[in-house]
Amino acid sequence: MKICPNCKTEKETTEFYNRRNKEGNSSYCKTCTNTQSIIRQRKLKLEAVEYKGGECISCGYKTYAGALDFHHKDPKEKDFSIGQVKC
């Protein structure tokens, strides 16, 4: 059994992710880890949308940032690959 420092709940060790290339489990339970990841991803998406002008370049839509997607008109002008960025 282990206590998650975020939700203060005692849980089985199977409720914690294994650490990458390390012994033992992560500090936070899977539920808290997933919630923190979603919050972080949404924050980064909002920052990216604001950085690119806050609305669709084609139609001006800006009601819900989650509905917006990013495309490159010319892939050669792409600054970097988001999959390669580490926070």
C-alpha atoms as a PDB file:
ATOM      1  CA  MET A   1       0.000   0.000   0.000  1.00  0.00           C
ATOM      2  CA  LYS A   2       1.098   3.534  -0.734  1.00  0.00           C
ATOM      3  CA  ILE A   3      -0.351   7.016  -0.154  1.00  0.00           C
ATOM      4  CA  CYS A   4      -0.642   9.451  -3.050  1.00  0.00           C
ATOM      5  CA  PRO A   5       0.590  12.876  -1.851  1.00  0.00           C
ATOM      6  CA  ASN A   6      -1.874  14.628  -4.160  1.00  0.00           C
ATOM      7  CA  CYS A   7      -5.219  12.994  -3.278  1.00  0.00           C
ATOM      8  CA  LYS A   8      -4.027  11.724   0.138  1.00  0.00           C
ATOM      9  CA  THR A   9      -5.578   8.329  -0.578  1.00  0.00           C
ATOM     10  CA  GLU A  10      -3.975   5.037   0.364  1.00  0.00           C
ATOM     11  CA  LYS A  11      -3.943   2.723  -2.654  1.00  0.00           C
ATOM     12  CA  GLU A  12      -2.447  -0.562  -3.811  1.00  0.00           C
ATOM     13  CA  THR A  13       0.941  -0.205  -5.509  1.00  0.00           C
ATOM     14  CA  THR A  14      -0.700  -1.413  -8.734  1.00  0.00           C
ATOM     15  CA  GLU A  15      -2.550   1.936  -8.755  1.00  0.00           C
ATOM     16  CA  PHE A  16       0.792   3.727  -9.330  1.00  0.00           C
ATOM     17  CA  TYR A  17       2.743   3.786 -12.597  1.00  0.00           C
ATOM     18  CA  ASN A  18       6.211   2.243 -12.696  1.00  0.00           C
ATOM     19  CA  ARG A  19       8.996   4.791 -12.997  1.00  0.00           C
ATOM     20  CA  ARG A  20      10.850   4.845 -16.288  1.00  0.00           C
ATOM     21  CA  ASN A  21      14.277   3.247 -15.928  1.00  0.00           C
ATOM     22  CA  LYS A  22      14.038   3.439 -12.138  1.00  0.00           C
ATOM     23  CA  GLU A  23      13.034   1.155  -9.344  1.00  0.00           C
ATOM     24  CA  GLY A  24       9.736   1.588  -7.547  1.00  0.00           C
ATOM     25  CA  ASN A  25       6.547   3.357  -8.451  1.00  0.00           C
ATOM     26  CA  SER A  26       5.793   6.973  -9.218  1.00  0.00           C
ATOM     27  CA  SER A  27       4.849   9.290  -6.369  1.00  0.00           C
ATOM     28  CA  TYR A  28       1.340  10.050  -7.602  1.00  0.00           C
ATOM     29  CA  CYS A  29      -1.414   7.514  -8.279  1.00  0.00           C
ATOM     30  CA  LYS A  30      -2.513   6.817 -11.847  1.00  0.00           C
ATOM     31  CA  THR A  31      -5.681   8.886 -11.452  1.00  0.00           C
ATOM     32  CA  CYS A  32      -3.799  11.962 -10.224  1.00  0.00           C
ATOM     33  CA  THR A  33      -1.060  11.506 -12.845  1.00  0.00           C
ATOM     34  CA  ASN A  34      -3.654  11.340 -15.632  1.00  0.00           C
ATOM     35  CA  THR A  35      -5.514  14.389 -14.302  1.00  0.00           C
ATOM     36  CA  GLN A  36      -2.285  16.393 -14.067  1.00  0.00           C
ATOM     37  CA  SER A  37      -1.375  15.388 -17.634  1.00  0.00           C
ATOM     38  CA  ILE A  38      -4.742  16.541 -18.983  1.00  0.00           C
ATOM     39  CA  ILE A  39      -4.451  19.885 -17.172  1.00  0.00           C
ATOM     40  CA  ARG A  40      -0.903  20.390 -18.499  1.00  0.00           C
ATOM     41  CA  GLN A  41      -1.900  19.461 -22.083  1.00  0.00           C
ATOM     42  CA  ARG A  42      -4.882  21.823 -22.062  1.00  0.00           C
ATOM     43  CA  LYS A  43      -2.737  24.663 -20.718  1.00  0.00           C
ATOM     44  CA  LEU A  44      -0.135  24.103 -23.440  1.00  0.00           C
ATOM     45  CA  LYS A  45      -2.857  23.979 -26.113  1.00  0.00           C
ATOM     46  CA  LEU A  46      -4.299  27.305 -24.910  1.00  0.00           C
ATOM     47  CA  GLU A  47      -0.831  28.861 -24.949  1.00  0.00           C
ATOM     48  CA  ALA A  48      -0.241  27.563 -28.491  1.00  0.00           C
ATOM     49  CA  VAL A  49      -3.610  28.882 -29.695  1.00  0.00           C
ATOM     50  CA  GLU A  50      -2.895  32.308 -28.191  1.00  0.00           C
ATOM     51  CA  TYR A  51       0.605  32.293 -29.704  1.00  0.00           C
ATOM     52  CA  LYS A  52      -0.898  31.664 -33.145  1.00  0.00           C
ATOM     53  CA  GLY A  53      -3.484  34.460 -32.850  1.00  0.00           C
ATOM     54  CA  GLY A  54      -6.298  32.922 -30.815  1.00  0.00           C
ATOM     55  CA  GLU A  55      -8.571  32.010 -33.713  1.00  0.00           C
ATOM     56  CA  CYS A  56      -8.886  30.020 -36.919  1.00  0.00           C
ATOM     57  CA  ILE A  57      -6.952  31.735 -39.670  1.00  0.00           C
ATOM     58  CA  SER A  58      -9.528  30.608 -42.265  1.00  0.00           C
ATOM     59  CA  CYS A  59     -12.884  31.441 -40.632  1.00  0.00           C
ATOM     60  CA  GLY A  60     -12.094  33.323 -37.401  1.00  0.00           C
ATOM     61  CA  TYR A  61     -13.607  30.675 -35.093  1.00  0.00           C
ATOM     62  CA  LYS A  62     -12.466  31.195 -31.498  1.00  0.00           C
ATOM     63  CA  THR A  63     -15.237  29.867 -29.234  1.00  0.00           C
ATOM     64  CA  TYR A  64     -13.551  26.682 -28.008  1.00  0.00           C
ATOM     65  CA  ALA A  65      -9.784  26.207 -28.298  1.00  0.00           C
ATOM     66  CA  GLY A  66     -10.153  22.411 -28.111  1.00  0.00           C
ATOM     67  CA  ALA A  67     -11.869  22.473 -31.502  1.00  0.00           C
ATOM     68  CA  LEU A  68      -8.901  24.178 -33.140  1.00  0.00           C
ATOM     69  CA  ASP A  69      -6.150  22.230 -34.834  1.00  0.00           C
ATOM     70  CA  PHE A  70      -2.788  23.272 -36.214  1.00  0.00           C
ATOM     71  CA  HIS A  71      -1.713  22.757 -39.818  1.00  0.00           C
ATOM     72  CA  HIS A  72       1.275  23.822 -41.886  1.00  0.00           C
ATOM     73  CA  LYS A  73       0.474  25.220 -45.299  1.00  0.00           C
ATOM     74  CA  ASP A  74       4.074  24.502 -46.277  1.00  0.00           C
ATOM     75  CA  PRO A  75       5.732  21.713 -44.223  1.00  0.00           C
ATOM     76  CA  LYS A  76       9.159  23.158 -45.143  1.00  0.00           C
ATOM     77  CA  GLU A  77       8.328  26.231 -43.034  1.00  0.00           C
ATOM     78  CA  LYS A  78       7.697  24.133 -39.924  1.00  0.00           C
ATOM     79  CA  ASP A  79       9.869  25.395 -37.057  1.00  0.00           C
ATOM     80  CA  PHE A  80       9.906  22.144 -35.060  1.00  0.00           C
ATOM     81  CA  SER A  81       8.007  18.945 -34.422  1.00  0.00           C
ATOM     82  CA  ILE A  82       5.842  19.156 -31.286  1.00  0.00           C
ATOM     83  CA  GLY A  83       6.494  15.478 -30.618  1.00  0.00           C
ATOM     84  CA  GLN A  84      10.172  16.294 -30.157  1.00  0.00           C
ATOM     85  CA  VAL A  85       9.616  19.062 -27.576  1.00  0.00           C
ATOM     86  CA  LYS A  86      10.351  18.144 -23.967  1.00  0.00           C
ATOM     87  CA  CYS A  87       8.958  20.196 -21.110  1.00  0.00           C
END
